[in-house]
Amino acid sequence: MPAVVAQSGDEFQHMLRVMNTNVDGKDKVPFAMRRVKGVGRRLAIMACKRAGVDMHRRAGTLSNDEIERVVSVLVHRNWLPSCTEYFTC
């Protein structure tokens, strides 16, 4: 099942379906991504920076390609440092 449901047109989307979660298009991108289970404030901001998406844009204005980039960063979290680099777990 795809992570993003394709929408027609380049107009504003009020509701986005991202990773089996309804995301409000009126929220800014990091705050909208926080609706996804397991994504907090810090991870959402880092994912936007890593994907090259402007954090000050509304989620409803993102193209399908930009949404796919953010979802790809969230799914493949191997860029995050592990706890063994800082602590003895």
PDB file of N, CA and C in Angstrom:
ATOM      1  N   MET A   1       0.846  -1.179   0.000  1.00  0.00           N
ATOM      2  CA  MET A   1       0.000   0.000   0.000  1.00  0.00           C
ATOM      3  C   MET A   1       0.888   1.237   0.000  1.00  0.00           C
ATOM      4  N   PRO A   2       0.617   2.198  -0.871  1.00  0.00           N
ATOM      5  CA  PRO A   2       1.478   3.379  -0.919  1.00  0.00           C
ATOM      6  C   PRO A   2       1.338   4.226   0.340  1.00  0.00           C
ATOM      7  N   ALA A   3       2.401   4.925   0.668  1.00  0.00           N
ATOM      8  CA  ALA A   3       2.401   5.757   1.869  1.00  0.00           C
ATOM      9  C   ALA A   3       1.618   7.043   1.660  1.00  0.00           C
ATOM     10  N   VAL A   4       1.473   7.475   0.417  1.00  0.00           N
ATOM     11  CA  VAL A   4       0.780   8.721   0.121  1.00  0.00           C
ATOM     12  C   VAL A   4      -0.286   8.441  -0.924  1.00  0.00           C
ATOM     13  N   VAL A   5      -1.488   8.927  -0.663  1.00  0.00           N
ATOM     14  CA  VAL A   5      -2.563   8.792  -1.635  1.00  0.00           C
ATOM     15  C   VAL A   5      -2.477   9.967  -2.589  1.00  0.00           C
ATOM     16  N   ALA A   6      -2.405   9.697  -3.881  1.00  0.00           N
ATOM     17  CA  ALA A   6      -2.239  10.743  -4.883  1.00  0.00           C
ATOM     18  C   ALA A   6      -3.496  11.599  -4.980  1.00  0.00           C
ATOM     19  N   GLN A   7      -3.317  12.891  -5.057  1.00  0.00           N
ATOM     20  CA  GLN A   7      -4.402  13.844  -5.212  1.00  0.00           C
ATOM     21  C   GLN A   7      -4.291  14.464  -6.599  1.00  0.00           C
ATOM     22  N   SER A   8      -5.398  14.861  -7.166  1.00  0.00           N
ATOM     23  CA  SER A   8      -5.365  15.465  -8.496  1.00  0.00           C
ATOM     24  C   SER A   8      -5.187  16.976  -8.392  1.00  0.00           C
ATOM     25  N   GLY A   9      -4.414  17.529  -9.290  1.00  0.00           N
ATOM     26  CA  GLY A   9      -4.228  18.974  -9.355  1.00  0.00           C
ATOM     27  C   GLY A   9      -3.146  19.471  -8.409  1.00  0.00           C
ATOM     28  N   ASP A  10      -2.804  20.744  -8.560  1.00  0.00           N
ATOM     29  CA  ASP A  10      -1.799  21.374  -7.713  1.00  0.00           C
ATOM     30  C   ASP A  10      -2.436  22.355  -6.745  1.00  0.00           C
ATOM     31  N   GLU A  11      -3.679  22.147  -6.404  1.00  0.00           N
ATOM     32  CA  GLU A  11      -4.378  23.065  -5.517  1.00  0.00           C
ATOM     33  C   GLU A  11      -4.149  22.679  -4.063  1.00  0.00           C
ATOM     34  N   PHE A  12      -4.656  23.491  -3.173  1.00  0.00           N
ATOM     35  CA  PHE A  12      -4.503  23.260  -1.739  1.00  0.00           C
ATOM     36  C   PHE A  12      -5.301  22.035  -1.324  1.00  0.00           C
ATOM     37  N   GLN A  13      -4.665  21.154  -0.546  1.00  0.00           N
ATOM     38  CA  GLN A  13      -5.318  19.942  -0.054  1.00  0.00           C
ATOM     39  C   GLN A  13      -5.606  20.122   1.430  1.00  0.00           C
ATOM     40  N   HIS A  14      -6.859  20.054   1.809  1.00  0.00           N
ATOM     41  CA  HIS A  14      -7.227  20.278   3.208  1.00  0.00           C
ATOM     42  C   HIS A  14      -6.866  19.096   4.094  1.00  0.00           C
ATOM     43  N   MET A  15      -6.948  17.894   3.555  1.00  0.00           N
ATOM     44  CA  MET A  15      -6.574  16.692   4.301  1.00  0.00           C
ATOM     45  C   MET A  15      -5.634  15.854   3.449  1.00  0.00           C
ATOM     46  N   LEU A  16      -4.537  15.427   4.049  1.00  0.00           N
ATOM     47  CA  LEU A  16      -3.569  14.563   3.379  1.00  0.00           C
ATOM     48  C   LEU A  16      -3.582  13.211   4.081  1.00  0.00           C
ATOM     49  N   ARG A  17      -3.368  12.174   3.329  1.00  0.00           N
ATOM     50  CA  ARG A  17      -3.258  10.834   3.914  1.00  0.00           C
ATOM     51  C   ARG A  17      -1.796  10.434   3.831  1.00  0.00           C
ATOM     52  N   VAL A  18      -1.105  10.442   4.974  1.00  0.00           N
ATOM     53  CA  VAL A  18       0.318  10.154   5.028  1.00  0.00           C
ATOM     54  C   VAL A  18       0.554   9.039   6.038  1.00  0.00           C
ATOM     55  N   MET A  19       1.135   7.937   5.583  1.00  0.00           N
ATOM     56  CA  MET A  19       1.478   6.808   6.444  1.00  0.00           C
ATOM     57  C   MET A  19       0.284   6.354   7.288  1.00  0.00           C
ATOM     58  N   ASN A  20      -0.853   6.148   6.631  1.00  0.00           N
ATOM     59  CA  ASN A  20      -2.090   5.692   7.260  1.00  0.00           C
ATOM     60  C   ASN A  20      -2.606   6.648   8.328  1.00  0.00           C
ATOM     61  N   THR A  21      -2.329   7.922   8.179  1.00  0.00           N
ATOM     62  CA  THR A  21      -2.771   8.935   9.126  1.00  0.00           C
ATOM     63  C   THR A  21      -3.323  10.120   8.355  1.00  0.00           C
ATOM     64  N   ASN A  22      -4.455  10.658   8.815  1.00  0.00           N
ATOM     65  CA  ASN A  22      -4.992  11.871   8.228  1.00  0.00           C
ATOM     66  C   ASN A  22      -4.230  13.065   8.789  1.00  0.00           C
ATOM     67  N   VAL A  23      -3.706  13.888   7.895  1.00  0.00           N
ATOM     68  CA  VAL A  23      -2.900  15.044   8.275  1.00  0.00           C
ATOM     69  C   VAL A  23      -3.628  16.290   7.812  1.00  0.00           C
ATOM     70  N   ASP A  24      -3.739  17.276   8.700  1.00  0.00           N
ATOM     71  CA  ASP A  24      -4.426  18.521   8.379  1.00  0.00           C
ATOM     72  C   ASP A  24      -3.543  19.373   7.477  1.00  0.00           C
ATOM     73  N   GLY A  25      -4.083  19.802   6.350  1.00  0.00           N
ATOM     74  CA  GLY A  25      -3.318  20.593   5.398  1.00  0.00           C
ATOM     75  C   GLY A  25      -3.114  22.027   5.815  1.00  0.00           C
ATOM     76  N   LYS A  26      -3.859  22.497   6.828  1.00  0.00           N
ATOM     77  CA  LYS A  26      -3.727  23.881   7.278  1.00  0.00           C
ATOM     78  C   LYS A  26      -2.545  24.084   8.210  1.00  0.00           C
ATOM     79  N   ASP A  27      -2.022  22.992   8.779  1.00  0.00           N
ATOM     80  CA  ASP A  27      -0.865  23.087   9.676  1.00  0.00           C
ATOM     81  C   ASP A  27       0.419  23.229   8.873  1.00  0.00           C
ATOM     82  N   LYS A  28       1.430  23.818   9.500  1.00  0.00           N
ATOM     83  CA  LYS A  28       2.740  23.862   8.863  1.00  0.00           C
ATOM     84  C   LYS A  28       3.320  22.460   8.851  1.00  0.00           C
ATOM     85  N   VAL A  29       4.242  22.195   7.948  1.00  0.00           N
ATOM     86  CA  VAL A  29       4.695  20.840   7.647  1.00  0.00           C
ATOM     87  C   VAL A  29       5.174  20.072   8.879  1.00  0.00           C
ATOM     88  N   PRO A  30       6.078  20.609   9.729  1.00  0.00           N
ATOM     89  CA  PRO A  30       6.521  19.802  10.871  1.00  0.00           C
ATOM     90  C   PRO A  30       5.388  19.469  11.843  1.00  0.00           C
ATOM     91  N   PHE A  31       4.484  20.412  12.056  1.00  0.00           N
ATOM     92  CA  PHE A  31       3.389  20.173  12.984  1.00  0.00           C
ATOM     93  C   PHE A  31       2.371  19.204  12.402  1.00  0.00           C
ATOM     94  N   ALA A  32       2.233  19.199  11.098  1.00  0.00           N
ATOM     95  CA  ALA A  32       1.347  18.236  10.454  1.00  0.00           C
ATOM     96  C   ALA A  32       1.928  16.830  10.537  1.00  0.00           C
ATOM     97  N   MET A  33       3.250  16.705  10.371  1.00  0.00           N
ATOM     98  CA  MET A  33       3.885  15.382  10.434  1.00  0.00           C
ATOM     99  C   MET A  33       3.852  14.799  11.835  1.00  0.00           C
ATOM    100  N   ARG A  34       3.678  15.628  12.845  1.00  0.00           N
ATOM    101  CA  ARG A  34       3.608  15.138  14.214  1.00  0.00           C
ATOM    102  C   ARG A  34       2.346  14.321  14.467  1.00  0.00           C
ATOM    103  N   ARG A  35       1.383  14.391  13.583  1.00  0.00           N
ATOM    104  CA  ARG A  35       0.168  13.579  13.729  1.00  0.00           C
ATOM    105  C   ARG A  35       0.456  12.098  13.511  1.00  0.00           C
ATOM    106  N   VAL A  36       1.529  11.790  12.811  1.00  0.00           N
ATOM    107  CA  VAL A  36       1.899  10.405  12.544  1.00  0.00           C
ATOM    108  C   VAL A  36       2.458   9.801  13.831  1.00  0.00           C
ATOM    109  N   LYS A  37       2.018   8.604  14.162  1.00  0.00           N
ATOM    110  CA  LYS A  37       2.459   7.954  15.391  1.00  0.00           C
ATOM    111  C   LYS A  37       3.972   7.702  15.349  1.00  0.00           C
ATOM    112  N   GLY A  38       4.655   8.099  16.415  1.00  0.00           N
ATOM    113  CA  GLY A  38       6.093   7.904  16.514  1.00  0.00           C
ATOM    114  C   GLY A  38       6.917   9.072  16.022  1.00  0.00           C
ATOM    115  N   VAL A  39       6.265  10.113  15.514  1.00  0.00           N
ATOM    116  CA  VAL A  39       6.985  11.293  15.011  1.00  0.00           C
ATOM    117  C   VAL A  39       6.741  12.440  15.979  1.00  0.00           C
ATOM    118  N   GLY A  40       7.795  12.880  16.625  1.00  0.00           N
ATOM    119  CA  GLY A  40       7.712  13.994  17.556  1.00  0.00           C
ATOM    120  C   GLY A  40       8.171  15.285  16.910  1.00  0.00           C
ATOM    121  N   ARG A  41       8.276  16.300  17.738  1.00  0.00           N
ATOM    122  CA  ARG A  41       8.649  17.622  17.252  1.00  0.00           C
ATOM    123  C   ARG A  41      10.041  17.618  16.634  1.00  0.00           C
ATOM    124  N   ARG A  42      10.996  17.044  17.322  1.00  0.00           N
ATOM    125  CA  ARG A  42      12.382  17.065  16.852  1.00  0.00           C
ATOM    126  C   ARG A  42      12.553  16.248  15.573  1.00  0.00           C
ATOM    127  N   LEU A  43      11.962  15.055  15.530  1.00  0.00           N
ATOM    128  CA  LEU A  43      12.083  14.206  14.346  1.00  0.00           C
ATOM    129  C   LEU A  43      11.393  14.841  13.143  1.00  0.00           C
ATOM    130  N   ALA A  44      10.255  15.499  13.354  1.00  0.00           N
ATOM    131  CA  ALA A  44       9.548  16.143  12.248  1.00  0.00           C
ATOM    132  C   ALA A  44      10.367  17.283  11.650  1.00  0.00           C
ATOM    133  N   ILE A  45      10.990  18.064  12.506  1.00  0.00           N
ATOM    134  CA  ILE A  45      11.816  19.182  12.015  1.00  0.00           C
ATOM    135  C   ILE A  45      13.047  18.657  11.284  1.00  0.00           C
ATOM    136  N   MET A  46      13.697  17.631  11.844  1.00  0.00           N
ATOM    137  CA  MET A  46      14.882  17.059  11.202  1.00  0.00           C
ATOM    138  C   MET A  46      14.525  16.407   9.865  1.00  0.00           C
ATOM    139  N   ALA A  47      13.359  15.773   9.782  1.00  0.00           N
ATOM    140  CA  ALA A  47      12.938  15.136   8.527  1.00  0.00           C
ATOM    141  C   ALA A  47      12.685  16.184   7.455  1.00  0.00           C
ATOM    142  N   CYS A  48      12.095  17.318   7.819  1.00  0.00           N
ATOM    143  CA  CYS A  48      11.863  18.389   6.841  1.00  0.00           C
ATOM    144  C   CYS A  48      13.178  18.954   6.334  1.00  0.00           C
ATOM    145  N   LYS A  49      14.130  19.165   7.238  1.00  0.00           N
ATOM    146  CA  LYS A  49      15.434  19.683   6.824  1.00  0.00           C
ATOM    147  C   LYS A  49      16.153  18.680   5.937  1.00  0.00           C
ATOM    148  N   ARG A  50      16.103  17.407   6.321  1.00  0.00           N
ATOM    149  CA  ARG A  50      16.791  16.358   5.569  1.00  0.00           C
ATOM    150  C   ARG A  50      16.179  16.169   4.182  1.00  0.00           C
ATOM    151  N   ALA A  51      14.846  16.354   4.077  1.00  0.00           N
ATOM    152  CA  ALA A  51      14.167  16.191   2.795  1.00  0.00           C
ATOM    153  C   ALA A  51      14.244  17.451   1.938  1.00  0.00           C
ATOM    154  N   GLY A  52      14.692  18.556   2.496  1.00  0.00           N
ATOM    155  CA  GLY A  52      14.800  19.795   1.739  1.00  0.00           C
ATOM    156  C   GLY A  52      13.471  20.488   1.532  1.00  0.00           C
ATOM    157  N   VAL A  53      12.562  20.344   2.501  1.00  0.00           N
ATOM    158  CA  VAL A  53      11.234  20.961   2.415  1.00  0.00           C
ATOM    159  C   VAL A  53      11.210  22.157   3.357  1.00  0.00           C
ATOM    160  N   ASP A  54      10.663  23.272   2.880  1.00  0.00           N
ATOM    161  CA  ASP A  54      10.566  24.482   3.692  1.00  0.00           C
ATOM    162  C   ASP A  54       9.607  24.235   4.851  1.00  0.00           C
ATOM    163  N   MET A  55      10.072  24.478   6.081  1.00  0.00           N
ATOM    164  CA  MET A  55       9.262  24.208   7.261  1.00  0.00           C
ATOM    165  C   MET A  55       8.164  25.237   7.476  1.00  0.00           C
ATOM    166  N   HIS A  56       8.227  26.364   6.784  1.00  0.00           N
ATOM    167  CA  HIS A  56       7.250  27.422   6.992  1.00  0.00           C
ATOM    168  C   HIS A  56       6.057  27.323   6.041  1.00  0.00           C
ATOM    169  N   ARG A  57       6.072  26.341   5.167  1.00  0.00           N
ATOM    170  CA  ARG A  57       4.946  26.133   4.248  1.00  0.00           C
ATOM    171  C   ARG A  57       3.855  25.326   4.925  1.00  0.00           C
ATOM    172  N   ARG A  58       2.648  25.472   4.432  1.00  0.00           N
ATOM    173  CA  ARG A  58       1.526  24.671   4.916  1.00  0.00           C
ATOM    174  C   ARG A  58       1.583  23.298   4.261  1.00  0.00           C
ATOM    175  N   ALA A  59       1.155  22.288   4.983  1.00  0.00           N
ATOM    176  CA  ALA A  59       1.221  20.918   4.469  1.00  0.00           C
ATOM    177  C   ALA A  59       0.336  20.738   3.245  1.00  0.00           C
ATOM    178  N   GLY A  60      -0.736  21.480   3.140  1.00  0.00           N
ATOM    179  CA  GLY A  60      -1.639  21.351   2.006  1.00  0.00           C
ATOM    180  C   GLY A  60      -1.081  21.884   0.705  1.00  0.00           C
ATOM    181  N   THR A  61       0.003  22.644   0.760  1.00  0.00           N
ATOM    182  CA  THR A  61       0.598  23.193  -0.447  1.00  0.00           C
ATOM    183  C   THR A  61       1.724  22.332  -1.000  1.00  0.00           C
ATOM    184  N   LEU A  62       2.085  21.260  -0.307  1.00  0.00           N
ATOM    185  CA  LEU A  62       3.174  20.396  -0.765  1.00  0.00           C
ATOM    186  C   LEU A  62       2.744  19.570  -1.966  1.00  0.00           C
ATOM    187  N   SER A  63       3.687  19.346  -2.862  1.00  0.00           N
ATOM    188  CA  SER A  63       3.422  18.466  -4.000  1.00  0.00           C
ATOM    189  C   SER A  63       3.580  17.015  -3.540  1.00  0.00           C
ATOM    190  N   ASN A  64       3.130  16.093  -4.366  1.00  0.00           N
ATOM    191  CA  ASN A  64       3.259  14.673  -4.024  1.00  0.00           C
ATOM    192  C   ASN A  64       4.717  14.255  -3.918  1.00  0.00           C
ATOM    193  N   ASP A  65       5.585  14.860  -4.732  1.00  0.00           N
ATOM    194  CA  ASP A  65       7.009  14.536  -4.678  1.00  0.00           C
ATOM    195  C   ASP A  65       7.619  14.969  -3.339  1.00  0.00           C
ATOM    196  N   GLU A  66       7.259  16.155  -2.866  1.00  0.00           N
ATOM    197  CA  GLU A  66       7.782  16.639  -1.586  1.00  0.00           C
ATOM    198  C   GLU A  66       7.278  15.779  -0.424  1.00  0.00           C
ATOM    199  N   ILE A  67       6.036  15.365  -0.483  1.00  0.00           N
ATOM    200  CA  ILE A  67       5.493  14.502   0.565  1.00  0.00           C
ATOM    201  C   ILE A  67       6.217  13.160   0.563  1.00  0.00           C
ATOM    202  N   GLU A  68       6.462  12.625  -0.621  1.00  0.00           N
ATOM    203  CA  GLU A  68       7.175  11.352  -0.723  1.00  0.00           C
ATOM    204  C   GLU A  68       8.586  11.456  -0.151  1.00  0.00           C
ATOM    205  N   ARG A  69       9.270  12.599  -0.358  1.00  0.00           N
ATOM    206  CA  ARG A  69      10.617  12.782   0.184  1.00  0.00           C
ATOM    207  C   ARG A  69      10.598  12.786   1.707  1.00  0.00           C
ATOM    208  N   VAL A  70       9.628  13.494   2.300  1.00  0.00           N
ATOM    209  CA  VAL A  70       9.524  13.537   3.762  1.00  0.00           C
ATOM    210  C   VAL A  70       9.199  12.153   4.309  1.00  0.00           C
ATOM    211  N   VAL A  71       8.273  11.447   3.668  1.00  0.00           N
ATOM    212  CA  VAL A  71       7.904  10.099   4.114  1.00  0.00           C
ATOM    213  C   VAL A  71       9.093   9.155   3.989  1.00  0.00           C
ATOM    214  N   SER A  72       9.863   9.291   2.929  1.00  0.00           N
ATOM    215  CA  SER A  72      11.038   8.448   2.741  1.00  0.00           C
ATOM    216  C   SER A  72      12.054   8.662   3.854  1.00  0.00           C
ATOM    217  N   VAL A  73      12.246   9.902   4.257  1.00  0.00           N
ATOM    218  CA  VAL A  73      13.172  10.194   5.351  1.00  0.00           C
ATOM    219  C   VAL A  73      12.642   9.621   6.659  1.00  0.00           C
ATOM    220  N   LEU A  74      11.333   9.709   6.881  1.00  0.00           N
ATOM    221  CA  LEU A  74      10.762   9.174   8.115  1.00  0.00           C
ATOM    222  C   LEU A  74      10.821   7.655   8.164  1.00  0.00           C
ATOM    223  N   VAL A  75      10.641   7.006   7.030  1.00  0.00           N
ATOM    224  CA  VAL A  75      10.644   5.544   6.998  1.00  0.00           C
ATOM    225  C   VAL A  75      12.057   4.996   7.139  1.00  0.00           C
ATOM    226  N   HIS A  76      13.018   5.598   6.451  1.00  0.00           N
ATOM    227  CA  HIS A  76      14.409   5.139   6.487  1.00  0.00           C
ATOM    228  C   HIS A  76      15.183   5.999   7.476  1.00  0.00           C
ATOM    229  N   ARG A  77      15.171   5.608   8.728  1.00  0.00           N
ATOM    230  CA  ARG A  77      15.781   6.417   9.787  1.00  0.00           C
ATOM    231  C   ARG A  77      17.219   6.027  10.081  1.00  0.00           C
ATOM    232  N   ASN A  78      17.909   5.417   9.146  1.00  0.00           N
ATOM    233  CA  ASN A  78      19.287   5.006   9.411  1.00  0.00           C
ATOM    234  C   ASN A  78      20.238   6.196   9.518  1.00  0.00           C
ATOM    235  N   TRP A  79      19.807   7.393   9.212  1.00  0.00           N
ATOM    236  CA  TRP A  79      20.640   8.581   9.347  1.00  0.00           C
ATOM    237  C   TRP A  79      20.663   9.086  10.790  1.00  0.00           C
ATOM    238  N   LEU A  80      19.760   8.567  11.641  1.00  0.00           N
ATOM    239  CA  LEU A  80      19.750   8.967  13.047  1.00  0.00           C
ATOM    240  C   LEU A  80      20.910   8.293  13.785  1.00  0.00           C
ATOM    241  N   PRO A  81      21.555   9.000  14.717  1.00  0.00           N
ATOM    242  CA  PRO A  81      22.623   8.357  15.486  1.00  0.00           C
ATOM    243  C   PRO A  81      22.027   7.345  16.462  1.00  0.00           C
ATOM    244  N   SER A  82      22.727   6.260  16.691  1.00  0.00           N
ATOM    245  CA  SER A  82      22.252   5.268  17.645  1.00  0.00           C
ATOM    246  C   SER A  82      22.697   5.663  19.050  1.00  0.00           C
ATOM    247  N   CYS A  83      22.061   5.063  20.043  1.00  0.00           N
ATOM    248  CA  CYS A  83      22.392   5.427  21.425  1.00  0.00           C
ATOM    249  C   CYS A  83      23.784   4.933  21.813  1.00  0.00           C
ATOM    250  N   THR A  84      24.325   3.932  21.103  1.00  0.00           N
ATOM    251  CA  THR A  84      25.638   3.418  21.451  1.00  0.00           C
ATOM    252  C   THR A  84      26.758   4.398  21.134  1.00  0.00           C
ATOM    253  N   GLU A  85      26.459   5.396  20.295  1.00  0.00           N
ATOM    254  CA  GLU A  85      27.481   6.398  19.999  1.00  0.00           C
ATOM    255  C   GLU A  85      27.672   7.365  21.165  1.00  0.00           C
ATOM    256  N   TYR A  86      26.651   7.508  21.999  1.00  0.00           N
ATOM    257  CA  TYR A  86      26.716   8.473  23.097  1.00  0.00           C
ATOM    258  C   TYR A  86      26.748   7.823  24.471  1.00  0.00           C
ATOM    259  N   PHE A  87      26.058   6.687  24.605  1.00  0.00           N
ATOM    260  CA  PHE A  87      25.928   6.035  25.903  1.00  0.00           C
ATOM    261  C   PHE A  87      26.317   4.570  25.795  1.00  0.00           C
ATOM    262  N   THR A  88      26.536   3.944  26.916  1.00  0.00           N
ATOM    263  CA  THR A  88      26.710   2.503  26.939  1.00  0.00           C
ATOM    264  C   THR A  88      25.371   1.898  27.275  1.00  0.00           C
ATOM    265  N   CYS A  89      24.682   1.374  26.277  1.00  0.00           N
ATOM    266  CA  CYS A  89      23.321   0.853  26.459  1.00  0.00           C
ATOM    267  C   CYS A  89      23.317  -0.530  27.058  1.00  0.00           C
TER     268      CYS A  89
END
